[in-house]
Structure formats: structure tokens, C-alpha cells
Amino acid sequence: MAELRLVISDPKTGKSYQKALETQDFEGKKIGDKIDGNLMDLEGYELQITGGSDSAGFPLKKEIDGTGRKKALLSGGTGLKKVERKGIRTRKTVAGNTITTSTVQVNLKVLKAGAKSLEDYFKKEETKEEKPAE
């Protein structure tokens, strides 16, 4: 089972937090799906999948159905840098919108916050690691 890196962003504070999990609970979920925060020990939180990337670094694209990689003709958005001229389209490789075992990173957005703030959940992990050994 591969490790899945979660990037949780809080639109209210503008901060993002990272968490690594070894779970298969996200397999088969798509971009836009809502997820209960209890899967990640975030009680009372409701999160939405906003994107991610696979093992080779290709971004998940919401418009591409399925699990594999596809060479899509893009004019902007995820997977393509800003185009200099209007109307230019470029063929780029992107991954489908479904999370699989080859997905390495999943981006999440907070829809409903719980009783404790995200900073409280993630501050505990940092303080344990920062204590110097005597």
C-alpha cells in the first residue's frame, strides 16, 4: 500500500496543511467528491477533493474521465502554463479525475470546519518533532 500525501487548504485562513496517510479510503473517489474528515482524524470536518497528481507528476484533470493518462488538447487551466496568445491550444498529458493506487497527492478544500481549528490538529505533530534530544 502506497503512502498518500494530503494537502488540506483552509479558504478562511488561506493556509494549507500536509498530512501523509497509508490508506485506500480515497480510491475510486473523483475530483469534486465530498469526504468526511473522520477518515483523517479531523472530527467534524467536511472536505472536498479539488485535485492532485499521480506518481509521475501529471496533474489530475476534472474534465478527463477515468483513471489513466490522456493527451488532451488544452487551452488553459490545470496542467498548462499561461498561453501567450489567445486561441492557442496545446496537447499535454494529464491524468484522469479518479484517484487510484498510482495517485501520490490529493488536494482537499475545507467545506465545513469542526470544533477545533486545523492549526490545533497540525501544531501537535510539529511540536513533538521539534523537541531537542538531550
C-alpha atoms as a PDB file:
ATOM      1  CA  MET A   1       0.000   0.000   0.000  1.00  0.00           C
ATOM      2  CA  ALA A   2       1.477   3.346  -1.072  1.00  0.00           C
ATOM      3  CA  GLU A   3       1.558   6.482   1.010  1.00  0.00           C
ATOM      4  CA  LEU A   4      -0.899   9.203   0.010  1.00  0.00           C
ATOM      5  CA  ARG A   5       0.053  12.819   0.672  1.00  0.00           C
ATOM      6  CA  LEU A   6      -2.913  15.044   1.514  1.00  0.00           C
ATOM      7  CA  VAL A   7      -2.749  18.819   1.126  1.00  0.00           C
ATOM      8  CA  ILE A   8      -5.628  20.365   3.087  1.00  0.00           C
ATOM      9  CA  SER A   9      -6.319  24.047   2.398  1.00  0.00           C
ATOM     10  CA  ASP A  10      -8.479  26.277   4.543  1.00  0.00           C
ATOM     11  CA  PRO A  11     -10.062  29.076   2.451  1.00  0.00           C
ATOM     12  CA  LYS A  12     -10.907  31.130   5.565  1.00  0.00           C
ATOM     13  CA  THR A  13      -7.314  31.466   6.778  1.00  0.00           C
ATOM     14  CA  GLY A  14      -5.565  30.943   3.431  1.00  0.00           C
ATOM     15  CA  LYS A  15      -3.240  28.346   4.971  1.00  0.00           C
ATOM     16  CA  SER A  16      -2.627  24.796   3.830  1.00  0.00           C
ATOM     17  CA  TYR A  17      -1.527  21.770   5.826  1.00  0.00           C
ATOM     18  CA  GLN A  18       0.062  18.492   4.745  1.00  0.00           C
ATOM     19  CA  LYS A  19      -0.619  15.044   6.089  1.00  0.00           C
ATOM     20  CA  ALA A  20       0.660  11.651   4.912  1.00  0.00           C
ATOM     21  CA  LEU A  21      -1.605   8.615   5.212  1.00  0.00           C
ATOM     22  CA  GLU A  22      -1.324   4.972   4.243  1.00  0.00           C
ATOM     23  CA  THR A  23      -4.929   4.355   3.289  1.00  0.00           C
ATOM     24  CA  GLN A  24      -7.049   3.108   0.434  1.00  0.00           C
ATOM     25  CA  ASP A  25     -10.183   5.006   1.505  1.00  0.00           C
ATOM     26  CA  PHE A  26      -9.725   7.542  -1.318  1.00  0.00           C
ATOM     27  CA  GLU A  27      -9.531   5.005  -4.165  1.00  0.00           C
ATOM     28  CA  GLY A  28     -12.349   5.427  -6.668  1.00  0.00           C
ATOM     29  CA  LYS A  29     -13.208   8.953  -5.484  1.00  0.00           C
ATOM     30  CA  LYS A  30     -13.311  11.733  -8.064  1.00  0.00           C
ATOM     31  CA  ILE A  31     -12.476  15.423  -8.096  1.00  0.00           C
ATOM     32  CA  GLY A  32     -15.418  17.287  -6.576  1.00  0.00           C
ATOM     33  CA  ASP A  33     -16.437  14.447  -4.221  1.00  0.00           C
ATOM     34  CA  LYS A  34     -17.020  15.319  -0.584  1.00  0.00           C
ATOM     35  CA  ILE A  35     -15.120  13.427   2.116  1.00  0.00           C
ATOM     36  CA  ASP A  36     -15.747  13.078   5.820  1.00  0.00           C
ATOM     37  CA  GLY A  37     -12.884  14.437   7.936  1.00  0.00           C
ATOM     38  CA  ASN A  38     -13.043  11.444  10.294  1.00  0.00           C
ATOM     39  CA  LEU A  39     -11.069   9.447   7.680  1.00  0.00           C
ATOM     40  CA  MET A  40      -8.082  11.684   8.523  1.00  0.00           C
ATOM     41  CA  ASP A  41      -8.798  12.111  12.256  1.00  0.00           C
ATOM     42  CA  LEU A  42     -10.304  15.585  11.677  1.00  0.00           C
ATOM     43  CA  GLU A  43     -13.513  15.367  13.698  1.00  0.00           C
ATOM     44  CA  GLY A  44     -16.423  17.437  12.417  1.00  0.00           C
ATOM     45  CA  TYR A  45     -14.718  18.471   9.182  1.00  0.00           C
ATOM     46  CA  GLU A  46     -16.127  18.065   5.690  1.00  0.00           C
ATOM     47  CA  LEU A  47     -13.640  18.268   2.820  1.00  0.00           C
ATOM     48  CA  GLN A  48     -13.860  18.372  -0.966  1.00  0.00           C
ATOM     49  CA  ILE A  49     -11.326  16.913  -3.407  1.00  0.00           C
ATOM     50  CA  THR A  50     -10.030  19.706  -5.646  1.00  0.00           C
ATOM     51  CA  GLY A  51      -7.183  17.960  -7.480  1.00  0.00           C
ATOM     52  CA  GLY A  52      -3.979  16.014  -7.145  1.00  0.00           C
ATOM     53  CA  SER A  53      -1.178  14.372  -9.083  1.00  0.00           C
ATOM     54  CA  ASP A  54      -0.060  10.866  -9.981  1.00  0.00           C
ATOM     55  CA  SER A  55       3.261   9.105  -9.404  1.00  0.00           C
ATOM     56  CA  ALA A  56       4.885  10.706 -12.470  1.00  0.00           C
ATOM     57  CA  GLY A  57       3.744  14.222 -11.523  1.00  0.00           C
ATOM     58  CA  PHE A  58       0.918  14.559 -14.027  1.00  0.00           C
ATOM     59  CA  PRO A  59      -1.983  16.586 -12.594  1.00  0.00           C
ATOM     60  CA  LEU A  60      -5.481  15.176 -12.197  1.00  0.00           C
ATOM     61  CA  LYS A  61      -7.858  16.997 -14.552  1.00  0.00           C
ATOM     62  CA  LYS A  62     -11.532  17.263 -13.642  1.00  0.00           C
ATOM     63  CA  GLU A  63     -12.749  17.135 -17.255  1.00  0.00           C
ATOM     64  CA  ILE A  64     -10.933  13.858 -18.104  1.00  0.00           C
ATOM     65  CA  ASP A  65     -12.999  10.847 -17.001  1.00  0.00           C
ATOM     66  CA  GLY A  66     -11.320   7.649 -15.895  1.00  0.00           C
ATOM     67  CA  THR A  67      -8.136   6.635 -14.180  1.00  0.00           C
ATOM     68  CA  GLY A  68      -5.415   6.641 -16.845  1.00  0.00           C
ATOM     69  CA  ARG A  69      -3.353   9.327 -18.507  1.00  0.00           C
ATOM     70  CA  LYS A  70      -4.556  11.041 -21.655  1.00  0.00           C
ATOM     71  CA  LYS A  71      -3.033  13.550 -24.062  1.00  0.00           C
ATOM     72  CA  ALA A  72      -5.619  16.313 -24.002  1.00  0.00           C
ATOM     73  CA  LEU A  73      -5.810  19.430 -26.169  1.00  0.00           C
ATOM     74  CA  LEU A  74      -5.830  22.248 -23.601  1.00  0.00           C
ATOM     75  CA  SER A  75      -6.272  25.988 -23.916  1.00  0.00           C
ATOM     76  CA  GLY A  76      -5.738  26.748 -20.223  1.00  0.00           C
ATOM     77  CA  GLY A  77      -6.408  25.601 -16.686  1.00  0.00           C
ATOM     78  CA  THR A  78      -4.878  22.690 -14.797  1.00  0.00           C
ATOM     79  CA  GLY A  79      -1.840  21.141 -16.455  1.00  0.00           C
ATOM     80  CA  LEU A  80      -0.972  24.075 -18.731  1.00  0.00           C
ATOM     81  CA  LYS A  81       1.025  27.221 -18.121  1.00  0.00           C
ATOM     82  CA  LYS A  82      -0.336  30.570 -19.223  1.00  0.00           C
ATOM     83  CA  VAL A  83      -0.508  30.867 -23.023  1.00  0.00           C
ATOM     84  CA  GLU A  84       0.959  33.987 -24.621  1.00  0.00           C
ATOM     85  CA  ARG A  85      -1.542  34.367 -27.456  1.00  0.00           C
ATOM     86  CA  LYS A  86      -5.292  33.996 -27.319  1.00  0.00           C
ATOM     87  CA  GLY A  87      -6.728  30.911 -29.033  1.00  0.00           C
ATOM     88  CA  ILE A  88      -3.580  28.777 -28.788  1.00  0.00           C
ATOM     89  CA  ARG A  89      -4.187  25.192 -27.682  1.00  0.00           C
ATOM     90  CA  THR A  90      -1.509  22.706 -26.667  1.00  0.00           C
ATOM     91  CA  ARG A  91      -1.591  18.936 -26.310  1.00  0.00           C
ATOM     92  CA  LYS A  92      -0.494  17.961 -22.802  1.00  0.00           C
ATOM     93  CA  THR A  93      -0.562  14.726 -20.822  1.00  0.00           C
ATOM     94  CA  VAL A  94      -2.884  14.805 -17.814  1.00  0.00           C
ATOM     95  CA  ALA A  95      -4.301  12.133 -15.522  1.00  0.00           C
ATOM     96  CA  GLY A  96      -7.985  11.290 -15.228  1.00  0.00           C
ATOM     97  CA  ASN A  97     -10.209  12.651 -12.458  1.00  0.00           C
ATOM     98  CA  THR A  98     -10.399   9.395 -10.441  1.00  0.00           C
ATOM     99  CA  ILE A  99      -7.999   8.593  -7.591  1.00  0.00           C
ATOM    100  CA  THR A 100      -6.146   5.279  -7.990  1.00  0.00           C
ATOM    101  CA  THR A 101      -3.194   3.475  -6.420  1.00  0.00           C
ATOM    102  CA  SER A 102      -0.851   5.491  -8.677  1.00  0.00           C
ATOM    103  CA  THR A 103      -2.102   8.790  -7.215  1.00  0.00           C
ATOM    104  CA  VAL A 104       0.515  10.276  -4.895  1.00  0.00           C
ATOM    105  CA  GLN A 105      -1.011  13.595  -3.849  1.00  0.00           C
ATOM    106  CA  VAL A 106      -4.605  14.675  -3.225  1.00  0.00           C
ATOM    107  CA  ASN A 107      -5.589  18.314  -2.733  1.00  0.00           C
ATOM    108  CA  LEU A 108      -8.517  18.980  -0.395  1.00  0.00           C
ATOM    109  CA  LYS A 109     -10.515  22.086   0.496  1.00  0.00           C
ATOM    110  CA  VAL A 110     -12.374  22.606   3.781  1.00  0.00           C
ATOM    111  CA  LEU A 111     -16.131  22.968   3.244  1.00  0.00           C
ATOM    112  CA  LYS A 112     -17.295  22.671   6.846  1.00  0.00           C
ATOM    113  CA  ALA A 113     -14.997  23.267   9.798  1.00  0.00           C
ATOM    114  CA  GLY A 114     -15.077  21.271  13.003  1.00  0.00           C
ATOM    115  CA  ALA A 115     -14.927  22.441  16.620  1.00  0.00           C
ATOM    116  CA  LYS A 116     -11.102  22.517  16.679  1.00  0.00           C
ATOM    117  CA  SER A 117      -9.133  24.542  14.149  1.00  0.00           C
ATOM    118  CA  LEU A 118      -6.812  22.852  11.669  1.00  0.00           C
ATOM    119  CA  GLU A 119      -3.893  24.667  13.256  1.00  0.00           C
ATOM    120  CA  ASP A 120      -4.575  22.863  16.540  1.00  0.00           C
ATOM    121  CA  TYR A 121      -4.546  19.460  14.802  1.00  0.00           C
ATOM    122  CA  PHE A 122      -1.299  20.078  12.938  1.00  0.00           C
ATOM    123  CA  LYS A 123       0.516  22.055  15.640  1.00  0.00           C
ATOM    124  CA  LYS A 124       0.635  18.966  17.875  1.00  0.00           C
ATOM    125  CA  GLU A 125       2.559  16.959  15.282  1.00  0.00           C
ATOM    126  CA  GLU A 126       5.158  19.722  14.775  1.00  0.00           C
ATOM    127  CA  THR A 127       5.866  20.248  18.481  1.00  0.00           C
ATOM    128  CA  LYS A 128       6.633  16.555  19.035  1.00  0.00           C
ATOM    129  CA  GLU A 129       9.285  16.587  16.308  1.00  0.00           C
ATOM    130  CA  GLU A 130      10.876  19.913  17.334  1.00  0.00           C
ATOM    131  CA  LYS A 131      11.857  18.878  20.883  1.00  0.00           C
ATOM    132  CA  PRO A 132      15.651  18.676  21.045  1.00  0.00           C
ATOM    133  CA  ALA A 133      17.227  15.484  22.369  1.00  0.00           C
ATOM    134  CA  GLU A 134      19.314  15.968  25.492  1.00  0.00           C
END
